[in-house]
Protein backbone atom coordinates (compact mmCIF):
# COMPACT_ATOMS: atom_id res chain seq x y z
CA UNK A 1 297.14 -35.52 -41.13
CA UNK A 2 293.43 -34.90 -41.54
CA UNK A 3 291.89 -31.57 -42.43
CA UNK A 4 290.55 -31.21 -38.88
CA UNK A 5 293.98 -31.92 -37.38
CA UNK A 6 295.52 -29.36 -39.73
CA UNK A 7 293.02 -26.71 -38.63
CA UNK A 8 293.75 -27.52 -34.97
CA UNK A 9 297.50 -27.10 -35.57
CA UNK A 10 296.98 -23.79 -37.37
CA UNK A 11 294.70 -22.64 -34.55
CA UNK A 12 297.51 -23.15 -32.04
CA UNK A 13 299.85 -21.04 -34.19
CA UNK A 14 297.42 -18.13 -34.66
CA UNK A 15 295.85 -18.21 -31.19
CA UNK A 16 296.53 -14.47 -30.80
CA UNK A 17 294.33 -13.48 -33.77
CA UNK A 18 290.69 -13.74 -32.66
CA UNK A 19 289.29 -13.37 -36.17
CA UNK A 20 291.36 -16.30 -37.50
CA UNK A 21 290.53 -18.43 -34.45
CA UNK A 22 286.81 -17.78 -35.01
CA UNK A 23 287.17 -18.75 -38.68
CA UNK A 24 289.06 -21.96 -37.82
CA UNK A 25 286.51 -22.89 -35.13
CA UNK A 26 283.72 -22.43 -37.67
CA UNK A 27 285.54 -24.65 -40.22
CA UNK A 28 286.08 -27.36 -37.59
CA UNK A 29 282.39 -27.16 -36.67
CA UNK A 30 281.43 -27.60 -40.34
CA UNK A 31 283.76 -30.60 -40.68
CA UNK A 32 282.21 -32.22 -37.59
CA UNK A 33 278.70 -31.57 -38.91
CA UNK A 34 279.52 -33.09 -42.30
CA UNK A 35 281.15 -36.15 -40.72
CA UNK A 36 278.13 -36.89 -38.53
CA UNK A 37 275.50 -36.39 -41.26
CA UNK A 38 273.67 -39.57 -42.30
CA UNK A 39 274.68 -40.72 -45.76
CA UNK A 40 272.24 -41.65 -48.48
CA UNK A 41 272.66 -45.09 -50.04
CA UNK A 42 273.69 -45.18 -53.68
CA UNK A 43 271.62 -46.96 -56.33
CA UNK A 44 274.15 -49.82 -56.42
CA UNK A 45 273.99 -50.25 -52.64
CA UNK A 46 270.20 -50.41 -52.76
CA UNK A 47 270.39 -52.95 -55.59
CA UNK A 48 272.94 -55.01 -53.61
CA UNK A 49 270.63 -55.11 -50.59
CA UNK A 50 267.90 -56.57 -52.81
CA UNK A 51 270.31 -59.21 -54.12
CA UNK A 52 271.37 -60.09 -50.59
CA UNK A 53 267.75 -60.54 -49.53
CA UNK A 54 267.15 -62.86 -52.49
CA UNK A 55 270.24 -64.92 -51.65
CA UNK A 56 269.20 -65.30 -48.00
CA UNK A 57 265.63 -66.19 -48.98
CA UNK A 58 266.78 -68.80 -51.51
CA UNK A 59 269.35 -70.44 -49.21
CA UNK A 60 266.77 -70.58 -46.41
CA UNK A 61 264.26 -72.35 -48.67
CA UNK A 62 266.78 -74.83 -50.09
CA UNK A 63 268.35 -75.72 -46.74
CA UNK A 64 271.57 -76.95 -48.40
CA UNK A 65 274.93 -75.39 -49.22
CA UNK A 66 275.33 -73.93 -52.69
CA UNK A 67 278.31 -72.71 -54.70
CA UNK A 68 278.32 -69.47 -56.69
CA UNK A 69 277.59 -71.23 -60.00
CA UNK A 70 274.52 -72.86 -58.45
CA UNK A 71 273.31 -69.51 -57.14
CA UNK A 72 273.71 -67.91 -60.57
CA UNK A 73 271.71 -70.70 -62.21
CA UNK A 74 268.95 -70.91 -59.63
CA UNK A 75 268.37 -67.25 -58.76
CA UNK A 76 267.36 -65.47 -61.99
CA UNK A 77 268.32 -62.01 -60.73
CA UNK A 78 271.93 -63.12 -60.19
CA UNK A 79 272.37 -64.59 -63.69
CA UNK A 80 273.70 -61.40 -65.35
CA UNK A 81 276.09 -60.65 -62.46
CA UNK A 82 279.77 -61.55 -62.54
CA UNK A 83 281.25 -63.98 -60.02
CA UNK A 84 283.25 -61.18 -58.38
CA UNK A 85 280.14 -59.20 -57.51
CA UNK A 86 278.34 -62.26 -56.17
CA UNK A 87 281.41 -63.12 -54.10
CA UNK A 88 281.35 -59.58 -52.69
CA UNK A 89 277.67 -59.94 -51.76
CA UNK A 90 278.28 -63.32 -50.12
CA UNK A 91 281.30 -62.01 -48.21
CA UNK A 92 279.22 -59.11 -46.88
CA UNK A 93 276.58 -61.58 -45.72
CA UNK A 94 279.25 -63.72 -44.03
CA UNK A 95 280.65 -60.65 -42.25
CA UNK A 96 277.12 -59.79 -41.10
CA UNK A 97 276.83 -63.29 -39.61
CA UNK A 98 273.99 -64.39 -41.89
CA UNK A 99 275.90 -66.96 -43.98
CA UNK A 100 278.71 -69.39 -43.45
CA UNK A 101 281.24 -70.65 -45.95
CA UNK A 102 282.58 -74.19 -46.17
CA UNK A 103 284.93 -75.74 -48.68
CA UNK A 104 284.39 -79.00 -50.56
CA UNK A 105 287.36 -79.94 -52.76
CA UNK A 106 288.60 -76.30 -52.79
CA UNK A 107 285.19 -74.99 -53.90
CA UNK A 108 283.43 -72.61 -51.50
CA UNK A 109 279.85 -73.47 -50.59
CA UNK A 110 277.54 -71.06 -48.80
CA UNK A 111 274.70 -71.80 -46.40
CA UNK A 112 272.47 -69.94 -43.95
CA UNK A 113 273.68 -69.84 -40.35
């Protein structure tokens, strides 16, 4: 049960007390306002967006499929990153419809759509 749902349930119980209903309505309003507020990107998210742009740019220039090891070797910014993080970046790009993944002998290769 979410906090908002809990407040709604409590509101039904204390419907007779106007002061408590006003308080609960105000809390629900604050929860709605906080939920709809735009969120600021973290430093890591901003950094990831830069990495994604570099991956897309490189794969567009090369015009061939590349595996993660190739990307680490050929894109200097990706060299210090672990395979897991690069895989996460590539998966996000696949989900966004910008890359596609194919397998050659059980090794994933990535290319621009």
